[in-house]
Amino acid sequence: MLYMLKIVVRLPDDWSPEKLAETNKNETARSMQMVREGKLKRIFRIAGRRANFSIWDCASPEELHATLTAMPLHPYMDIEVTPLIKHTTTQAWEKEIGDMPHFQ
């Protein structure tokens, strides 16, 4: 099942630059692993903020929860989850033409 997430990260003000760099490195590595596993489909930065919109593919809400709580920055995330289903336009396109054009 697909989910669209809005994730806002709120970090403590007292983190050293070294702690921030190390945590960001670990978060990026974990996110890349989620892409390799097919769970994280797309991620977009919200301009000017430490926040993103992302598309996740997990079998259940429980799998999504387990995946998110394993992220290094999870304790600092405010997460809004929206389950997604195919729009009728997508269904019509796929029936008439085939796969939707690749999204960049």
Protein backbone atom coordinates (compact mmCIF):
# COMPACT_ATOMS: atom_id res chain seq x y z
CA MET A 1 0.00 0.00 0.00
CA LEU A 2 1.22 3.49 -0.79
CA TYR A 3 1.42 6.22 1.80
CA MET A 4 2.25 9.90 1.41
CA LEU A 5 4.06 11.32 4.42
CA LYS A 6 4.80 14.84 5.49
CA ILE A 7 7.76 14.70 7.86
CA VAL A 8 8.97 17.72 9.79
CA VAL A 9 12.21 17.24 11.74
CA ARG A 10 12.69 19.28 14.92
CA LEU A 11 16.21 18.84 16.27
CA PRO A 12 17.43 19.93 19.69
CA ASP A 13 19.15 23.32 19.67
CA ASP A 14 22.11 22.05 21.69
CA TRP A 15 23.48 19.53 19.16
CA SER A 16 27.09 20.01 18.15
CA PRO A 17 27.91 20.29 14.44
CA GLU A 18 29.63 16.89 14.72
CA LYS A 19 26.54 15.20 16.19
CA LEU A 20 24.36 16.78 13.49
CA ALA A 21 26.71 15.63 10.71
CA GLU A 22 26.90 12.07 12.07
CA THR A 23 23.13 11.82 12.54
CA ASN A 24 22.48 13.16 9.03
CA LYS A 25 24.96 10.63 7.62
CA ASN A 26 23.19 7.78 9.43
CA GLU A 27 19.75 9.01 8.37
CA THR A 28 20.83 9.23 4.72
CA ALA A 29 22.30 5.72 4.84
CA ARG A 30 19.10 4.31 6.36
CA SER A 31 16.95 6.17 3.82
CA MET A 32 19.02 4.80 0.95
CA GLN A 33 18.53 1.31 2.38
CA MET A 34 14.77 1.92 2.39
CA VAL A 35 14.99 2.90 -1.30
CA ARG A 36 16.93 -0.31 -2.07
CA GLU A 37 14.28 -2.34 -0.24
CA GLY A 38 11.53 -0.67 -2.29
CA LYS A 39 9.86 0.96 0.71
CA LEU A 40 10.84 4.59 0.09
CA LYS A 41 9.69 5.43 -3.44
CA ARG A 42 10.26 9.19 -3.60
CA ILE A 43 11.32 11.97 -1.27
CA PHE A 44 11.09 15.72 -1.83
CA ARG A 45 12.52 18.46 0.35
CA ILE A 46 10.08 21.17 1.39
CA ALA A 47 12.01 24.28 0.38
CA GLY A 48 13.47 26.27 3.25
CA ARG A 49 12.59 23.73 5.92
CA ARG A 50 14.00 20.61 7.53
CA ALA A 51 10.99 18.75 6.19
CA ASN A 52 9.89 16.51 3.33
CA PHE A 53 7.04 14.94 1.46
CA SER A 54 7.71 11.31 0.68
CA ILE A 55 5.99 8.30 -0.86
CA TRP A 56 6.35 4.96 0.94
CA ASP A 57 5.26 1.47 -0.11
CA CYS A 58 4.60 -0.82 2.85
CA ALA A 59 2.33 -3.85 3.16
CA SER A 60 0.51 -2.51 6.21
CA PRO A 61 0.35 0.41 8.62
CA GLU A 62 2.28 -1.75 11.08
CA GLU A 63 5.12 -2.24 8.58
CA LEU A 64 5.21 1.50 7.89
CA HIS A 65 5.34 2.19 11.63
CA ALA A 66 8.19 -0.28 12.16
CA THR A 67 10.09 1.18 9.22
CA LEU A 68 9.72 4.76 10.43
CA THR A 69 10.59 4.03 14.05
CA ALA A 70 13.85 2.45 12.87
CA MET A 71 14.99 5.74 11.32
CA PRO A 72 17.74 7.52 13.31
CA LEU A 73 15.84 10.83 13.33
CA HIS A 74 12.49 9.28 14.26
CA PRO A 75 12.47 10.68 17.82
CA TYR A 76 12.63 14.19 16.32
CA MET A 77 10.02 13.72 13.57
CA ASP A 78 6.48 15.03 13.40
CA ILE A 79 4.84 12.73 10.84
CA GLU A 80 1.52 13.03 9.01
CA VAL A 81 0.49 9.87 7.13
CA THR A 82 -2.01 9.76 4.27
CA PRO A 83 -2.90 6.39 2.68
CA LEU A 84 -3.07 6.60 -1.13
CA ILE A 85 -5.11 4.73 -3.72
CA LYS A 86 -5.07 4.99 -7.51
CA HIS A 87 -7.00 7.88 -9.01
CA THR A 88 -9.55 7.06 -11.71
CA THR A 89 -7.46 9.01 -14.25
CA THR A 90 -4.48 6.74 -13.51
CA GLN A 91 -6.70 3.67 -13.89
CA ALA A 92 -8.06 4.95 -17.22
CA TRP A 93 -4.57 5.79 -18.51
CA GLU A 94 -3.23 2.36 -17.56
CA LYS A 95 -6.22 0.63 -19.20
CA GLU A 96 -5.97 2.64 -22.43
CA ILE A 97 -2.23 3.31 -22.78
CA GLY A 98 -0.27 1.31 -20.20
CA ASP A 99 2.05 2.47 -17.45
CA MET A 100 1.96 6.13 -16.50
CA PRO A 101 4.96 8.14 -17.77
CA HIS A 102 8.01 7.93 -15.51
CA PHE A 103 7.99 10.59 -12.82
CA GLN A 104 11.21 12.60 -12.50
